[in-house]
């Protein structure tokens, strides 16, 4: 699969002791480096990941983006970085679907779309579906880049990711990556991926406060990026 490319995986995790072992066990053997970014777990998630062979980095500042940034900083030099969640909702065995187009030169950034793939009933809440649809519609209207999902399971060339200048430290991480890729004209593909009910309760969609905070932040990132892009062009 690798065809000379070194593959790294970053998994942000917060209290995922029940699932992290399953996720790590399903990652293909051709992956070169796995980093679990422990975002302040109190249930032994980091210890389980370390025992399973992953590099574990602690990021005490809460936030999905903060954990991803810490994971990136702790990766050994790689050519392609794959992101996936620690709750067993993504299927790591499908990783070749994301990495393959990058190795083949068909894209520099590949997003796994849960809408295009097979989504287990109840895996995506109505508020997640609405939020994803609204964000994708706004991206299409503002930047002309068609997406069907903001799925967390994604792969990108390490050099491309560095060029995007990612800064968001919480809920805006995935939308920021897709917007910055659109602004810079990064060759991007969507591929169908399966999606399962997560193990445990979501820290975002599982609470009303989390849904409001995530939705507000995503809309704020879109507005901020649109304003910056307008300033650059004018």
C-alpha atoms as a PDB file:
ATOM      1  CA  UNK A   1       0.000   0.000   0.000  1.00  0.00           C
ATOM      2  CA  UNK A   2       2.689   2.487   1.010  1.00  0.00           C
ATOM      3  CA  UNK A   3       4.543   2.592  -2.331  1.00  0.00           C
ATOM      4  CA  UNK A   4       7.427   4.376  -0.611  1.00  0.00           C
ATOM      5  CA  UNK A   5       5.263   6.798   1.372  1.00  0.00           C
ATOM      6  CA  UNK A   6       5.532   6.913   5.154  1.00  0.00           C
ATOM      7  CA  UNK A   7       2.129   6.976   6.841  1.00  0.00           C
ATOM      8  CA  UNK A   8       1.377   8.507  10.234  1.00  0.00           C
ATOM      9  CA  UNK A   9      -1.888   8.373  12.200  1.00  0.00           C
ATOM     10  CA  UNK A  10      -3.104  10.932  14.729  1.00  0.00           C
ATOM     11  CA  UNK A  11      -5.935   9.993  17.102  1.00  0.00           C
ATOM     12  CA  UNK A  12      -7.263  12.670  19.470  1.00  0.00           C
ATOM     13  CA  UNK A  13      -8.738  10.999  22.548  1.00  0.00           C
ATOM     14  CA  UNK A  14     -10.570  11.991  25.712  1.00  0.00           C
ATOM     15  CA  UNK A  15     -11.743   9.243  28.073  1.00  0.00           C
ATOM     16  CA  UNK A  16     -11.970   6.541  25.418  1.00  0.00           C
ATOM     17  CA  UNK A  17     -10.630   3.604  27.460  1.00  0.00           C
ATOM     18  CA  UNK A  18     -13.452   1.346  26.266  1.00  0.00           C
ATOM     19  CA  UNK A  19     -12.691   1.865  22.583  1.00  0.00           C
ATOM     20  CA  UNK A  20      -9.080   2.944  22.028  1.00  0.00           C
ATOM     21  CA  UNK A  21      -7.755  -0.627  22.095  1.00  0.00           C
ATOM     22  CA  UNK A  22     -10.218  -1.690  19.403  1.00  0.00           C
ATOM     23  CA  UNK A  23      -9.291   1.288  17.229  1.00  0.00           C
ATOM     24  CA  UNK A  24      -5.554   0.661  17.499  1.00  0.00           C
ATOM     25  CA  UNK A  25      -5.934  -3.062  16.812  1.00  0.00           C
ATOM     26  CA  UNK A  26      -7.781  -2.329  13.536  1.00  0.00           C
ATOM     27  CA  UNK A  27      -5.158   0.045  12.102  1.00  0.00           C
ATOM     28  CA  UNK A  28      -3.418  -1.557   9.089  1.00  0.00           C
ATOM     29  CA  UNK A  29       0.093  -2.933   9.697  1.00  0.00           C
ATOM     30  CA  UNK A  30       1.615  -0.748   6.962  1.00  0.00           C
ATOM     31  CA  UNK A  31       1.156   2.391   9.068  1.00  0.00           C
ATOM     32  CA  UNK A  32       4.547   3.647  10.246  1.00  0.00           C
ATOM     33  CA  UNK A  33       3.671   5.785  13.261  1.00  0.00           C
ATOM     34  CA  UNK A  34       0.594   6.099  15.496  1.00  0.00           C
ATOM     35  CA  UNK A  35       0.175   8.972  17.950  1.00  0.00           C
ATOM     36  CA  UNK A  36      -2.680   9.103  20.432  1.00  0.00           C
ATOM     37  CA  UNK A  37      -3.148  12.662  21.687  1.00  0.00           C
ATOM     38  CA  UNK A  38      -4.598  12.250  25.179  1.00  0.00           C
ATOM     39  CA  UNK A  39      -6.673  15.362  25.828  1.00  0.00           C
ATOM     40  CA  UNK A  40      -6.719  14.978  29.613  1.00  0.00           C
ATOM     41  CA  UNK A  41      -8.299  11.555  30.095  1.00  0.00           C
ATOM     42  CA  UNK A  42      -9.018  10.314  33.604  1.00  0.00           C
ATOM     43  CA  UNK A  43      -9.922   6.724  32.711  1.00  0.00           C
ATOM     44  CA  UNK A  44      -6.547   5.310  31.660  1.00  0.00           C
ATOM     45  CA  UNK A  45      -6.951   5.894  27.917  1.00  0.00           C
ATOM     46  CA  UNK A  46      -3.286   6.876  27.557  1.00  0.00           C
ATOM     47  CA  UNK A  47      -1.998   3.833  29.393  1.00  0.00           C
ATOM     48  CA  UNK A  48      -4.082   1.483  27.229  1.00  0.00           C
ATOM     49  CA  UNK A  49      -2.872   3.180  24.042  1.00  0.00           C
ATOM     50  CA  UNK A  50       0.742   3.026  25.176  1.00  0.00           C
ATOM     51  CA  UNK A  51       0.422  -0.670  26.009  1.00  0.00           C
ATOM     52  CA  UNK A  52      -0.972  -1.235  22.500  1.00  0.00           C
ATOM     53  CA  UNK A  53       2.168   0.273  20.959  1.00  0.00           C
ATOM     54  CA  UNK A  54       1.067   3.838  20.202  1.00  0.00           C
ATOM     55  CA  UNK A  55       3.065   6.939  21.011  1.00  0.00           C
ATOM     56  CA  UNK A  56       1.030   8.877  23.585  1.00  0.00           C
ATOM     57  CA  UNK A  57       1.292  12.637  23.993  1.00  0.00           C
ATOM     58  CA  UNK A  58      -0.584  14.538  26.678  1.00  0.00           C
ATOM     59  CA  UNK A  59      -2.402  17.735  25.705  1.00  0.00           C
ATOM     60  CA  UNK A  60      -4.079  19.028  28.887  1.00  0.00           C
ATOM     61  CA  UNK A  61      -5.750  21.986  27.153  1.00  0.00           C
ATOM     62  CA  UNK A  62      -9.146  20.652  26.153  1.00  0.00           C
ATOM     63  CA  UNK A  63     -10.083  20.910  22.487  1.00  0.00           C
ATOM     64  CA  UNK A  64     -10.222  18.631  19.452  1.00  0.00           C
ATOM     65  CA  UNK A  65      -7.905  20.883  17.467  1.00  0.00           C
ATOM     66  CA  UNK A  66      -5.487  21.241  20.382  1.00  0.00           C
ATOM     67  CA  UNK A  67      -5.193  17.452  20.589  1.00  0.00           C
ATOM     68  CA  UNK A  68      -4.679  17.158  16.820  1.00  0.00           C
ATOM     69  CA  UNK A  69      -1.939  19.809  16.855  1.00  0.00           C
ATOM     70  CA  UNK A  70      -0.177  18.056  19.731  1.00  0.00           C
ATOM     71  CA  UNK A  71      -0.388  14.761  17.870  1.00  0.00           C
ATOM     72  CA  UNK A  72       1.074  16.271  14.702  1.00  0.00           C
ATOM     73  CA  UNK A  73       3.960  17.770  16.657  1.00  0.00           C
ATOM     74  CA  UNK A  74       4.793  14.346  18.111  1.00  0.00           C
ATOM     75  CA  UNK A  75       4.713  12.397  14.851  1.00  0.00           C
ATOM     76  CA  UNK A  76       7.919  11.029  13.405  1.00  0.00           C
ATOM     77  CA  UNK A  77       8.647  12.386   9.886  1.00  0.00           C
ATOM     78  CA  UNK A  78       5.951  11.039   7.561  1.00  0.00           C
ATOM     79  CA  UNK A  79       4.614  11.792   4.077  1.00  0.00           C
ATOM     80  CA  UNK A  80       0.892  11.356   4.757  1.00  0.00           C
ATOM     81  CA  UNK A  81      -1.064  11.984   7.959  1.00  0.00           C
ATOM     82  CA  UNK A  82      -4.368  10.245   8.695  1.00  0.00           C
ATOM     83  CA  UNK A  83      -6.779  11.529  11.330  1.00  0.00           C
ATOM     84  CA  UNK A  84      -9.491   9.429  12.931  1.00  0.00           C
ATOM     85  CA  UNK A  85     -11.503   9.415  16.134  1.00  0.00           C
ATOM     86  CA  UNK A  86     -10.841   7.234  19.168  1.00  0.00           C
ATOM     87  CA  UNK A  87     -14.449   6.195  19.811  1.00  0.00           C
ATOM     88  CA  UNK A  88     -14.573   3.306  17.281  1.00  0.00           C
ATOM     89  CA  UNK A  89     -17.048   5.151  15.039  1.00  0.00           C
ATOM     90  CA  UNK A  90     -14.551   5.272  12.158  1.00  0.00           C
ATOM     91  CA  UNK A  91     -13.322   2.001  10.667  1.00  0.00           C
ATOM     92  CA  UNK A  92      -9.494   2.040  10.518  1.00  0.00           C
ATOM     93  CA  UNK A  93      -9.488  -0.937   8.155  1.00  0.00           C
ATOM     94  CA  UNK A  94     -10.769   1.450   5.442  1.00  0.00           C
ATOM     95  CA  UNK A  95      -7.658   3.602   5.691  1.00  0.00           C
ATOM     96  CA  UNK A  96      -6.357   2.497   2.288  1.00  0.00           C
ATOM     97  CA  UNK A  97      -9.387   4.176   0.715  1.00  0.00           C
ATOM     98  CA  UNK A  98      -8.140   7.512   2.047  1.00  0.00           C
ATOM     99  CA  UNK A  99      -4.426   7.028   1.532  1.00  0.00           C
ATOM    100  CA  UNK A 100      -4.611   5.401  -1.905  1.00  0.00           C
ATOM    101  CA  UNK A 101      -5.601   8.487  -3.945  1.00  0.00           C
ATOM    102  CA  UNK A 102      -2.795  10.522  -2.340  1.00  0.00           C
ATOM    103  CA  UNK A 103      -0.169   7.890  -3.108  1.00  0.00           C
ATOM    104  CA  UNK A 104      -1.512   7.668  -6.676  1.00  0.00           C
ATOM    105  CA  UNK A 105      -1.208  11.445  -7.088  1.00  0.00           C
ATOM    106  CA  UNK A 106      -4.946  11.938  -7.586  1.00  0.00           C
ATOM    107  CA  UNK A 107      -5.273  14.244  -4.558  1.00  0.00           C
ATOM    108  CA  UNK A 108      -3.323  15.842  -1.736  1.00  0.00           C
ATOM    109  CA  UNK A 109      -6.253  15.795   0.693  1.00  0.00           C
ATOM    110  CA  UNK A 110      -8.939  13.122   1.046  1.00  0.00           C
ATOM    111  CA  UNK A 111     -12.013  13.444   3.260  1.00  0.00           C
ATOM    112  CA  UNK A 112     -13.963  10.377   4.305  1.00  0.00           C
ATOM    113  CA  UNK A 113     -17.645  11.123   3.746  1.00  0.00           C
ATOM    114  CA  UNK A 114     -20.134   9.425   6.024  1.00  0.00           C
ATOM    115  CA  UNK A 115     -22.999  10.655   3.841  1.00  0.00           C
ATOM    116  CA  UNK A 116     -21.589   8.941   0.768  1.00  0.00           C
ATOM    117  CA  UNK A 117     -20.764   5.772   2.673  1.00  0.00           C
ATOM    118  CA  UNK A 118     -22.709   3.460   4.945  1.00  0.00           C
ATOM    119  CA  UNK A 119     -23.820   5.091   8.167  1.00  0.00           C
ATOM    120  CA  UNK A 120     -25.154   2.851  10.915  1.00  0.00           C
ATOM    121  CA  UNK A 121     -28.626   3.934  12.088  1.00  0.00           C
ATOM    122  CA  UNK A 122     -28.285   6.359  14.979  1.00  0.00           C
ATOM    123  CA  UNK A 123     -24.561   6.942  14.454  1.00  0.00           C
ATOM    124  CA  UNK A 124     -25.156  10.512  13.261  1.00  0.00           C
ATOM    125  CA  UNK A 125     -27.613  12.638  15.212  1.00  0.00           C
ATOM    126  CA  UNK A 126     -30.093  14.927  13.423  1.00  0.00           C
ATOM    127  CA  UNK A 127     -28.165  17.970  14.659  1.00  0.00           C
ATOM    128  CA  UNK A 128     -24.924  16.570  13.218  1.00  0.00           C
ATOM    129  CA  UNK A 129     -26.570  15.955   9.853  1.00  0.00           C
ATOM    130  CA  UNK A 130     -28.049  19.453   9.785  1.00  0.00           C
ATOM    131  CA  UNK A 131     -24.807  21.119  10.862  1.00  0.00           C
ATOM    132  CA  UNK A 132     -22.745  19.234   8.298  1.00  0.00           C
ATOM    133  CA  UNK A 133     -25.213  20.035   5.509  1.00  0.00           C
ATOM    134  CA  UNK A 134     -25.281  23.739   6.406  1.00  0.00           C
ATOM    135  CA  UNK A 135     -21.495  24.028   6.632  1.00  0.00           C
ATOM    136  CA  UNK A 136     -21.000  22.221   3.321  1.00  0.00           C
ATOM    137  CA  UNK A 137     -23.629  24.401   1.634  1.00  0.00           C
ATOM    138  CA  UNK A 138     -21.868  27.540   2.869  1.00  0.00           C
ATOM    139  CA  UNK A 139     -18.487  26.257   1.618  1.00  0.00           C
ATOM    140  CA  UNK A 140     -19.970  25.606  -1.788  1.00  0.00           C
ATOM    141  CA  UNK A 141     -21.580  29.059  -1.929  1.00  0.00           C
ATOM    142  CA  UNK A 142     -18.516  30.977  -0.734  1.00  0.00           C
ATOM    143  CA  UNK A 143     -15.580  29.015  -2.153  1.00  0.00           C
ATOM    144  CA  UNK A 144     -17.169  26.829  -4.815  1.00  0.00           C
ATOM    145  CA  UNK A 145     -15.799  23.678  -3.175  1.00  0.00           C
ATOM    146  CA  UNK A 146     -18.301  20.832  -3.007  1.00  0.00           C
ATOM    147  CA  UNK A 147     -18.255  18.669   0.126  1.00  0.00           C
ATOM    148  CA  UNK A 148     -20.892  16.402   1.591  1.00  0.00           C
ATOM    149  CA  UNK A 149     -19.417  16.005   5.073  1.00  0.00           C
ATOM    150  CA  UNK A 150     -16.976  17.319   7.679  1.00  0.00           C
ATOM    151  CA  UNK A 151     -15.975  13.768   8.564  1.00  0.00           C
ATOM    152  CA  UNK A 152     -13.102  13.332  11.045  1.00  0.00           C
ATOM    153  CA  UNK A 153     -11.639  10.352   9.134  1.00  0.00           C
ATOM    154  CA  UNK A 154      -9.318  12.049   6.630  1.00  0.00           C
ATOM    155  CA  UNK A 155      -5.842  11.920   5.125  1.00  0.00           C
ATOM    156  CA  UNK A 156      -3.559  14.675   3.873  1.00  0.00           C
ATOM    157  CA  UNK A 157       0.002  15.083   2.663  1.00  0.00           C
ATOM    158  CA  UNK A 158       2.142  16.255   5.572  1.00  0.00           C
ATOM    159  CA  UNK A 159       3.665  19.034   3.449  1.00  0.00           C
ATOM    160  CA  UNK A 160       0.199  20.222   2.408  1.00  0.00           C
ATOM    161  CA  UNK A 161      -1.026  20.256   5.990  1.00  0.00           C
ATOM    162  CA  UNK A 162       1.942  22.400   6.977  1.00  0.00           C
ATOM    163  CA  UNK A 163       1.075  24.882   4.229  1.00  0.00           C
ATOM    164  CA  UNK A 164      -2.512  25.225   5.499  1.00  0.00           C
ATOM    165  CA  UNK A 165      -1.312  26.880   8.711  1.00  0.00           C
ATOM    166  CA  UNK A 166      -3.911  25.214  10.929  1.00  0.00           C
ATOM    167  CA  UNK A 167      -4.611  27.136  14.135  1.00  0.00           C
ATOM    168  CA  UNK A 168      -8.053  26.155  15.458  1.00  0.00           C
ATOM    169  CA  UNK A 169      -7.819  24.409  18.804  1.00  0.00           C
ATOM    170  CA  UNK A 170     -11.341  23.112  19.273  1.00  0.00           C
ATOM    171  CA  UNK A 171     -14.510  22.431  17.278  1.00  0.00           C
ATOM    172  CA  UNK A 172     -13.458  24.314  14.145  1.00  0.00           C
ATOM    173  CA  UNK A 173     -10.555  22.009  13.249  1.00  0.00           C
ATOM    174  CA  UNK A 174     -12.204  19.953  10.486  1.00  0.00           C
ATOM    175  CA  UNK A 175     -13.971  22.875   8.763  1.00  0.00           C
ATOM    176  CA  UNK A 176     -10.824  25.010   8.943  1.00  0.00           C
ATOM    177  CA  UNK A 177      -8.845  22.319   7.142  1.00  0.00           C
ATOM    178  CA  UNK A 178     -11.415  22.035   4.359  1.00  0.00           C
ATOM    179  CA  UNK A 179     -11.744  25.795   3.946  1.00  0.00           C
ATOM    180  CA  UNK A 180      -7.996  26.408   3.873  1.00  0.00           C
ATOM    181  CA  UNK A 181      -7.613  23.628   1.312  1.00  0.00           C
ATOM    182  CA  UNK A 182     -10.298  25.289  -0.830  1.00  0.00           C
ATOM    183  CA  UNK A 183      -8.718  28.743  -0.543  1.00  0.00           C
ATOM    184  CA  UNK A 184      -5.329  27.383  -1.626  1.00  0.00           C
ATOM    185  CA  UNK A 185      -6.684  25.190  -4.406  1.00  0.00           C
ATOM    186  CA  UNK A 186      -5.443  21.966  -2.833  1.00  0.00           C
ATOM    187  CA  UNK A 187      -6.524  18.953  -4.947  1.00  0.00           C
ATOM    188  CA  UNK A 188      -9.184  17.340  -2.783  1.00  0.00           C
ATOM    189  CA  UNK A 189     -11.341  14.237  -3.006  1.00  0.00           C
ATOM    190  CA  UNK A 190     -14.201  12.796  -1.001  1.00  0.00           C
ATOM    191  CA  UNK A 191     -14.453   9.028  -0.635  1.00  0.00           C
ATOM    192  CA  UNK A 192     -17.250   7.027   0.995  1.00  0.00           C
ATOM    193  CA  UNK A 193     -16.493   5.588   4.424  1.00  0.00           C
ATOM    194  CA  UNK A 194     -18.597   3.641   6.860  1.00  0.00           C
ATOM    195  CA  UNK A 195     -19.613   5.072  10.213  1.00  0.00           C
ATOM    196  CA  UNK A 196     -20.674   3.222  13.350  1.00  0.00           C
ATOM    197  CA  UNK A 197     -22.318   4.150  16.622  1.00  0.00           C
ATOM    198  CA  UNK A 198     -19.581   5.376  18.897  1.00  0.00           C
ATOM    199  CA  UNK A 199     -18.664   3.609  22.124  1.00  0.00           C
ATOM    200  CA  UNK A 200     -19.581   5.913  25.004  1.00  0.00           C
ATOM    201  CA  UNK A 201     -21.120   9.374  24.892  1.00  0.00           C
ATOM    202  CA  UNK A 202     -19.953  12.061  22.488  1.00  0.00           C
ATOM    203  CA  UNK A 203     -18.383  15.114  24.123  1.00  0.00           C
ATOM    204  CA  UNK A 204     -19.956  17.290  21.420  1.00  0.00           C
ATOM    205  CA  UNK A 205     -23.168  15.862  19.970  1.00  0.00           C
ATOM    206  CA  UNK A 206     -23.999  14.052  23.199  1.00  0.00           C
ATOM    207  CA  UNK A 207     -24.843  17.265  25.075  1.00  0.00           C
ATOM    208  CA  UNK A 208     -26.933  20.328  24.218  1.00  0.00           C
ATOM    209  CA  UNK A 209     -24.108  22.626  25.323  1.00  0.00           C
ATOM    210  CA  UNK A 210     -21.644  20.757  23.123  1.00  0.00           C
ATOM    211  CA  UNK A 211     -23.905  21.006  20.074  1.00  0.00           C
ATOM    212  CA  UNK A 212     -24.392  24.754  20.549  1.00  0.00           C
ATOM    213  CA  UNK A 213     -20.689  25.398  21.097  1.00  0.00           C
ATOM    214  CA  UNK A 214     -19.630  23.295  18.126  1.00  0.00           C
ATOM    215  CA  UNK A 215     -22.218  24.808  15.789  1.00  0.00           C
ATOM    216  CA  UNK A 216     -21.352  28.347  16.830  1.00  0.00           C
ATOM    217  CA  UNK A 217     -17.648  27.743  16.367  1.00  0.00           C
ATOM    218  CA  UNK A 218     -18.063  26.191  12.924  1.00  0.00           C
ATOM    219  CA  UNK A 219     -20.126  29.146  11.722  1.00  0.00           C
ATOM    220  CA  UNK A 220     -17.586  31.549  13.240  1.00  0.00           C
ATOM    221  CA  UNK A 221     -14.708  29.838  11.411  1.00  0.00           C
ATOM    222  CA  UNK A 222     -16.617  30.060   8.125  1.00  0.00           C
ATOM    223  CA  UNK A 223     -17.343  33.774   8.662  1.00  0.00           C
ATOM    224  CA  UNK A 224     -13.768  34.546   9.718  1.00  0.00           C
ATOM    225  CA  UNK A 225     -12.290  32.664   6.769  1.00  0.00           C
ATOM    226  CA  UNK A 226     -14.670  34.324   4.307  1.00  0.00           C
ATOM    227  CA  UNK A 227     -13.721  37.769   5.652  1.00  0.00           C
ATOM    228  CA  UNK A 228      -9.984  37.004   5.443  1.00  0.00           C
ATOM    229  CA  UNK A 229     -10.375  35.644   1.927  1.00  0.00           C
ATOM    230  CA  UNK A 230     -12.296  38.744   0.850  1.00  0.00           C
ATOM    231  CA  UNK A 231      -9.558  40.956   2.288  1.00  0.00           C
ATOM    232  CA  UNK A 232      -6.868  39.045   0.413  1.00  0.00           C
ATOM    233  CA  UNK A 233      -8.730  39.350  -2.871  1.00  0.00           C
ATOM    234  CA  UNK A 234      -9.625  43.033  -2.459  1.00  0.00           C
END
